[in-house]
Amino acid sequence: MPETASALTCPHCGHTKTEIMPTDACLWFYECEHCHTLLRPKAGDCCVFCSYGSVKCPPQQACCKPCPK
């Protein structure tokens, strides 16, 4: 079961807010509630949680789990 809570940190003002991630999709845009900057994923990332979150999005968690030993 993937983690669904991730703390997003705005790279412009440093504001952090914990958000619940969708389990079946990536979030491409997120507006910081403090400075109203519209965040977009960094190059190579699928969503804002992978770029600015404390936990990668559920689709990335599912595909990139470490192999069992």
PDB file of N, CA and C in Angstrom:
ATOM      1  N   MET A   1       0.843  -1.183   0.000  1.00  0.00           N
ATOM      2  CA  MET A   1       0.000   0.000   0.000  1.00  0.00           C
ATOM      3  C   MET A   1       0.888   1.246   0.000  1.00  0.00           C
ATOM      4  N   PRO A   2       0.729   2.115  -0.970  1.00  0.00           N
ATOM      5  CA  PRO A   2       1.583   3.309  -1.041  1.00  0.00           C
ATOM      6  C   PRO A   2       1.226   4.343   0.018  1.00  0.00           C
ATOM      7  N   GLU A   3       2.216   5.150   0.374  1.00  0.00           N
ATOM      8  CA  GLU A   3       1.949   6.295   1.249  1.00  0.00           C
ATOM      9  C   GLU A   3       1.182   7.319   0.432  1.00  0.00           C
ATOM     10  N   THR A   4       0.208   7.974   1.043  1.00  0.00           N
ATOM     11  CA  THR A   4      -0.599   8.942   0.294  1.00  0.00           C
ATOM     12  C   THR A   4      -0.439  10.373   0.791  1.00  0.00           C
ATOM     13  N   ALA A   5       0.248  10.587   1.888  1.00  0.00           N
ATOM     14  CA  ALA A   5       0.478  11.939   2.399  1.00  0.00           C
ATOM     15  C   ALA A   5       1.907  12.361   2.078  1.00  0.00           C
ATOM     16  N   SER A   6       2.047  13.578   1.592  1.00  0.00           N
ATOM     17  CA  SER A   6       3.368  14.112   1.268  1.00  0.00           C
ATOM     18  C   SER A   6       3.396  15.588   1.625  1.00  0.00           C
ATOM     19  N   ALA A   7       4.495  16.021   2.230  1.00  0.00           N
ATOM     20  CA  ALA A   7       4.657  17.433   2.579  1.00  0.00           C
ATOM     21  C   ALA A   7       5.287  18.146   1.392  1.00  0.00           C
ATOM     22  N   LEU A   8       4.518  19.008   0.744  1.00  0.00           N
ATOM     23  CA  LEU A   8       5.015  19.794  -0.385  1.00  0.00           C
ATOM     24  C   LEU A   8       5.673  21.055   0.147  1.00  0.00           C
ATOM     25  N   THR A   9       6.878  21.340  -0.326  1.00  0.00           N
ATOM     26  CA  THR A   9       7.600  22.548   0.076  1.00  0.00           C
ATOM     27  C   THR A   9       7.804  23.425  -1.147  1.00  0.00           C
ATOM     28  N   CYS A  10       7.316  24.646  -1.071  1.00  0.00           N
ATOM     29  CA  CYS A  10       7.447  25.597  -2.172  1.00  0.00           C
ATOM     30  C   CYS A  10       8.908  26.031  -2.287  1.00  0.00           C
ATOM     31  N   PRO A  11       9.505  25.893  -3.477  1.00  0.00           N
ATOM     32  CA  PRO A  11      10.895  26.300  -3.630  1.00  0.00           C
ATOM     33  C   PRO A  11      11.083  27.821  -3.653  1.00  0.00           C
ATOM     34  N   HIS A  12       9.998  28.565  -3.789  1.00  0.00           N
ATOM     35  CA  HIS A  12      10.097  30.023  -3.862  1.00  0.00           C
ATOM     36  C   HIS A  12      10.039  30.685  -2.492  1.00  0.00           C
ATOM     37  N   CYS A  13       9.123  30.205  -1.628  1.00  0.00           N
ATOM     38  CA  CYS A  13       8.971  30.860  -0.317  1.00  0.00           C
ATOM     39  C   CYS A  13       9.265  29.938   0.864  1.00  0.00           C
ATOM     40  N   GLY A  14       9.399  28.629   0.608  1.00  0.00           N
ATOM     41  CA  GLY A  14       9.710  27.685   1.680  1.00  0.00           C
ATOM     42  C   GLY A  14       8.513  27.190   2.460  1.00  0.00           C
ATOM     43  N   HIS A  15       7.310  27.637   2.104  1.00  0.00           N
ATOM     44  CA  HIS A  15       6.099  27.192   2.799  1.00  0.00           C
ATOM     45  C   HIS A  15       5.897  25.698   2.566  1.00  0.00           C
ATOM     46  N   THR A  16       5.536  24.974   3.626  1.00  0.00           N
ATOM     47  CA  THR A  16       5.295  23.531   3.539  1.00  0.00           C
ATOM     48  C   THR A  16       3.878  23.222   3.963  1.00  0.00           C
ATOM     49  N   LYS A  17       3.233  22.357   3.196  1.00  0.00           N
ATOM     50  CA  LYS A  17       1.886  21.907   3.541  1.00  0.00           C
ATOM     51  C   LYS A  17       1.768  20.434   3.174  1.00  0.00           C
ATOM     52  N   THR A  18       1.204  19.659   4.077  1.00  0.00           N
ATOM     53  CA  THR A  18       0.981  18.243   3.810  1.00  0.00           C
ATOM     54  C   THR A  18      -0.312  18.085   3.023  1.00  0.00           C
ATOM     55  N   GLU A  19      -0.219  17.370   1.920  1.00  0.00           N
ATOM     56  CA  GLU A  19      -1.359  17.128   1.044  1.00  0.00           C
ATOM     57  C   GLU A  19      -1.541  15.627   0.851  1.00  0.00           C
ATOM     58  N   ILE A  20      -2.764  15.231   0.564  1.00  0.00           N
ATOM     59  CA  ILE A  20      -3.063  13.840   0.228  1.00  0.00           C
ATOM     60  C   ILE A  20      -2.938  13.697  -1.283  1.00  0.00           C
ATOM     61  N   MET A  21      -2.149  12.722  -1.711  1.00  0.00           N
ATOM     62  CA  MET A  21      -1.905  12.521  -3.132  1.00  0.00           C
ATOM     63  C   MET A  21      -2.966  11.607  -3.741  1.00  0.00           C
ATOM     64  N   PRO A  22      -3.331  11.845  -5.001  1.00  0.00           N
ATOM     65  CA  PRO A  22      -4.204  10.895  -5.685  1.00  0.00           C
ATOM     66  C   PRO A  22      -3.432   9.584  -5.872  1.00  0.00           C
ATOM     67  N   THR A  23      -4.119   8.467  -5.778  1.00  0.00           N
ATOM     68  CA  THR A  23      -3.434   7.177  -5.891  1.00  0.00           C
ATOM     69  C   THR A  23      -3.346   6.673  -7.319  1.00  0.00           C
ATOM     70  N   ASP A  24      -4.107   7.270  -8.223  1.00  0.00           N
ATOM     71  CA  ASP A  24      -4.167   6.745  -9.583  1.00  0.00           C
ATOM     72  C   ASP A  24      -3.756   7.759 -10.648  1.00  0.00           C
ATOM     73  N   ALA A  25      -3.172   8.864 -10.240  1.00  0.00           N
ATOM     74  CA  ALA A  25      -2.798   9.901 -11.211  1.00  0.00           C
ATOM     75  C   ALA A  25      -1.686  10.767 -10.634  1.00  0.00           C
ATOM     76  N   CYS A  26      -1.036  11.498 -11.532  1.00  0.00           N
ATOM     77  CA  CYS A  26       0.002  12.447 -11.136  1.00  0.00           C
ATOM     78  C   CYS A  26      -0.591  13.854 -11.127  1.00  0.00           C
ATOM     79  N   LEU A  27      -0.091  14.690 -10.238  1.00  0.00           N
ATOM     80  CA  LEU A  27      -0.552  16.069 -10.143  1.00  0.00           C
ATOM     81  C   LEU A  27       0.484  16.962 -10.807  1.00  0.00           C
ATOM     82  N   TRP A  28       0.109  17.611 -11.912  1.00  0.00           N
ATOM     83  CA  TRP A  28       1.056  18.386 -12.698  1.00  0.00           C
ATOM     84  C   TRP A  28       1.182  19.826 -12.246  1.00  0.00           C
ATOM     85  N   PHE A  29       0.182  20.352 -11.551  1.00  0.00           N
ATOM     86  CA  PHE A  29       0.209  21.741 -11.106  1.00  0.00           C
ATOM     87  C   PHE A  29      -0.224  21.819  -9.651  1.00  0.00           C
ATOM     88  N   TYR A  30       0.393  22.744  -8.910  1.00  0.00           N
ATOM     89  CA  TYR A  30       0.007  22.971  -7.516  1.00  0.00           C
ATOM     90  C   TYR A  30       0.287  24.427  -7.199  1.00  0.00           C
ATOM     91  N   GLU A  31      -0.703  25.131  -6.661  1.00  0.00           N
ATOM     92  CA  GLU A  31      -0.515  26.530  -6.287  1.00  0.00           C
ATOM     93  C   GLU A  31      -0.190  26.619  -4.805  1.00  0.00           C
ATOM     94  N   CYS A  32       0.944  27.226  -4.494  1.00  0.00           N
ATOM     95  CA  CYS A  32       1.343  27.442  -3.104  1.00  0.00           C
ATOM     96  C   CYS A  32       0.316  28.367  -2.451  1.00  0.00           C
ATOM     97  N   GLU A  33      -0.214  27.932  -1.311  1.00  0.00           N
ATOM     98  CA  GLU A  33      -1.231  28.754  -0.652  1.00  0.00           C
ATOM     99  C   GLU A  33      -0.637  29.997   0.003  1.00  0.00           C
ATOM    100  N   HIS A  34       0.674  30.042   0.168  1.00  0.00           N
ATOM    101  CA  HIS A  34       1.307  31.186   0.821  1.00  0.00           C
ATOM    102  C   HIS A  34       1.684  32.280  -0.179  1.00  0.00           C
ATOM    103  N   CYS A  35       2.438  31.912  -1.229  1.00  0.00           N
ATOM    104  CA  CYS A  35       2.905  32.940  -2.177  1.00  0.00           C
ATOM    105  C   CYS A  35       2.185  32.878  -3.529  1.00  0.00           C
ATOM    106  N   HIS A  36       1.328  31.877  -3.695  1.00  0.00           N
ATOM    107  CA  HIS A  36       0.508  31.693  -4.905  1.00  0.00           C
ATOM    108  C   HIS A  36       1.315  31.381  -6.161  1.00  0.00           C
ATOM    109  N   THR A  37       2.547  30.922  -5.990  1.00  0.00           N
ATOM    110  CA  THR A  37       3.341  30.475  -7.127  1.00  0.00           C
ATOM    111  C   THR A  37       2.765  29.161  -7.640  1.00  0.00           C
ATOM    112  N   LEU A  38       2.661  29.030  -8.949  1.00  0.00           N
ATOM    113  CA  LEU A  38       2.169  27.793  -9.547  1.00  0.00           C
ATOM    114  C   LEU A  38       3.362  26.872  -9.765  1.00  0.00           C
ATOM    115  N   LEU A  39       3.380  25.767  -9.015  1.00  0.00           N
ATOM    116  CA  LEU A  39       4.478  24.813  -9.125  1.00  0.00           C
ATOM    117  C   LEU A  39       4.179  23.819 -10.232  1.00  0.00           C
ATOM    118  N   ARG A  40       5.224  23.475 -10.973  1.00  0.00           N
ATOM    119  CA  ARG A  40       5.156  22.461 -12.027  1.00  0.00           C
ATOM    120  C   ARG A  40       6.291  21.478 -11.768  1.00  0.00           C
ATOM    121  N   PRO A  41       6.170  20.246 -12.243  1.00  0.00           N
ATOM    122  CA  PRO A  41       7.251  19.275 -12.016  1.00  0.00           C
ATOM    123  C   PRO A  41       8.567  19.743 -12.639  1.00  0.00           C
ATOM    124  N   LYS A  42       9.664  19.366 -11.985  1.00  0.00           N
ATOM    125  CA  LYS A  42      10.987  19.613 -12.553  1.00  0.00           C
ATOM    126  C   LYS A  42      11.177  18.684 -13.749  1.00  0.00           C
ATOM    127  N   ALA A  43      12.082  19.027 -14.638  1.00  0.00           N
ATOM    128  CA  ALA A  43      12.370  18.191 -15.803  1.00  0.00           C
ATOM    129  C   ALA A  43      12.728  16.773 -15.353  1.00  0.00           C
ATOM    130  N   GLY A  44      12.067  15.801 -15.943  1.00  0.00           N
ATOM    131  CA  GLY A  44      12.322  14.404 -15.619  1.00  0.00           C
ATOM    132  C   GLY A  44      11.424  13.830 -14.538  1.00  0.00           C
ATOM    133  N   ASP A  45      10.698  14.679 -13.817  1.00  0.00           N
ATOM    134  CA  ASP A  45       9.765  14.207 -12.793  1.00  0.00           C
ATOM    135  C   ASP A  45       8.358  14.153 -13.369  1.00  0.00           C
ATOM    136  N   CYS A  46       7.541  13.242 -12.849  1.00  0.00           N
ATOM    137  CA  CYS A  46       6.193  13.080 -13.404  1.00  0.00           C
ATOM    138  C   CYS A  46       5.178  14.006 -12.769  1.00  0.00           C
ATOM    139  N   CYS A  47       5.466  14.521 -11.567  1.00  0.00           N
ATOM    140  CA  CYS A  47       4.475  15.368 -10.903  1.00  0.00           C
ATOM    141  C   CYS A  47       5.127  16.252  -9.840  1.00  0.00           C
ATOM    142  N   VAL A  48       4.335  17.145  -9.261  1.00  0.00           N
ATOM    143  CA  VAL A  48       4.864  18.072  -8.249  1.00  0.00           C
ATOM    144  C   VAL A  48       5.278  17.339  -6.972  1.00  0.00           C
ATOM    145  N   PHE A  49       4.650  16.211  -6.656  1.00  0.00           N
ATOM    146  CA  PHE A  49       5.041  15.472  -5.453  1.00  0.00           C
ATOM    147  C   PHE A  49       6.438  14.869  -5.614  1.00  0.00           C
ATOM    148  N   CYS A  50       6.761  14.403  -6.820  1.00  0.00           N
ATOM    149  CA  CYS A  50       8.100  13.858  -7.062  1.00  0.00           C
ATOM    150  C   CYS A  50       9.157  14.957  -7.038  1.00  0.00           C
ATOM    151  N   SER A  51       8.785  16.175  -7.404  1.00  0.00           N
ATOM    152  CA  SER A  51       9.735  17.286  -7.419  1.00  0.00           C
ATOM    153  C   SER A  51       9.871  17.990  -6.079  1.00  0.00           C
ATOM    154  N   TYR A  52       8.759  18.212  -5.380  1.00  0.00           N
ATOM    155  CA  TYR A  52       8.773  19.064  -4.188  1.00  0.00           C
ATOM    156  C   TYR A  52       8.231  18.400  -2.925  1.00  0.00           C
ATOM    157  N   GLY A  53       7.828  17.144  -3.031  1.00  0.00           N
ATOM    158  CA  GLY A  53       7.226  16.463  -1.885  1.00  0.00           C
ATOM    159  C   GLY A  53       8.215  15.667  -1.063  1.00  0.00           C
ATOM    160  N   SER A  54       7.797  15.332   0.138  1.00  0.00           N
ATOM    161  CA  SER A  54       8.620  14.504   1.018  1.00  0.00           C
ATOM    162  C   SER A  54       8.518  13.035   0.642  1.00  0.00           C
ATOM    163  N   VAL A  55       7.485  12.686  -0.129  1.00  0.00           N
ATOM    164  CA  VAL A  55       7.253  11.312  -0.590  1.00  0.00           C
ATOM    165  C   VAL A  55       6.888  11.383  -2.068  1.00  0.00           C
ATOM    166  N   LYS A  56       7.447  10.496  -2.869  1.00  0.00           N
ATOM    167  CA  LYS A  56       7.089  10.449  -4.289  1.00  0.00           C
ATOM    168  C   LYS A  56       5.641  10.004  -4.438  1.00  0.00           C
ATOM    169  N   CYS A  57       5.038  10.302  -5.581  1.00  0.00           N
ATOM    170  CA  CYS A  57       3.635   9.982  -5.825  1.00  0.00           C
ATOM    171  C   CYS A  57       3.400   8.461  -5.833  1.00  0.00           C
ATOM    172  N   PRO A  58       2.162   8.021  -5.536  1.00  0.00           N
ATOM    173  CA  PRO A  58       1.866   6.588  -5.505  1.00  0.00           C
ATOM    174  C   PRO A  58       2.224   5.832  -6.792  1.00  0.00           C
ATOM    175  N   PRO A  59       1.980   6.372  -8.005  1.00  0.00           N
ATOM    176  CA  PRO A  59       2.409   5.625  -9.192  1.00  0.00           C
ATOM    177  C   PRO A  59       3.924   5.388  -9.223  1.00  0.00           C
ATOM    178  N   GLN A  60       4.722   6.358  -8.781  1.00  0.00           N
ATOM    179  CA  GLN A  60       6.185   6.172  -8.728  1.00  0.00           C
ATOM    180  C   GLN A  60       6.581   5.214  -7.618  1.00  0.00           C
ATOM    181  N   GLN A  61       5.874   5.260  -6.490  1.00  0.00           N
ATOM    182  CA  GLN A  61       6.151   4.324  -5.409  1.00  0.00           C
ATOM    183  C   GLN A  61       5.912   2.894  -5.894  1.00  0.00           C
ATOM    184  N   ALA A  62       4.858   2.694  -6.686  1.00  0.00           N
ATOM    185  CA  ALA A  62       4.503   1.355  -7.159  1.00  0.00           C
ATOM    186  C   ALA A  62       5.525   0.826  -8.164  1.00  0.00           C
ATOM    187  N   CYS A  63       6.025   1.694  -9.038  1.00  0.00           N
ATOM    188  CA  CYS A  63       6.923   1.209 -10.090  1.00  0.00           C
ATOM    189  C   CYS A  63       8.381   1.155  -9.656  1.00  0.00           C
ATOM    190  N   CYS A  64       8.720   1.888  -8.631  1.00  0.00           N
ATOM    191  CA  CYS A  64      10.144   2.007  -8.283  1.00  0.00           C
ATOM    192  C   CYS A  64      10.482   1.446  -6.919  1.00  0.00           C
ATOM    193  N   LYS A  65       9.721   0.464  -6.464  1.00  0.00           N
ATOM    194  CA  LYS A  65      10.026  -0.161  -5.179  1.00  0.00           C
ATOM    195  C   LYS A  65      11.323  -0.954  -5.286  1.00  0.00           C
ATOM    196  N   PRO A  66      12.072  -1.023  -4.197  1.00  0.00           N
ATOM    197  CA  PRO A  66      13.279  -1.860  -4.228  1.00  0.00           C
ATOM    198  C   PRO A  66      12.891  -3.322  -4.405  1.00  0.00           C
ATOM    199  N   CYS A  67      13.730  -4.053  -5.081  1.00  0.00           N
ATOM    200  CA  CYS A  67      13.466  -5.481  -5.297  1.00  0.00           C
ATOM    201  C   CYS A  67      13.574  -6.231  -3.982  1.00  0.00           C
ATOM    202  N   PRO A  68      12.671  -7.194  -3.731  1.00  0.00           N
ATOM    203  CA  PRO A  68      12.790  -7.995  -2.508  1.00  0.00           C
ATOM    204  C   PRO A  68      14.032  -8.871  -2.569  1.00  0.00           C
ATOM    205  N   LYS A  69      14.608  -9.118  -1.424  1.00  0.00           N
ATOM    206  CA  LYS A  69      15.837  -9.933  -1.367  1.00  0.00           C
ATOM    207  C   LYS A  69      15.514 -11.372  -1.135  1.00  0.00           C
TER     208      LYS A  69
END
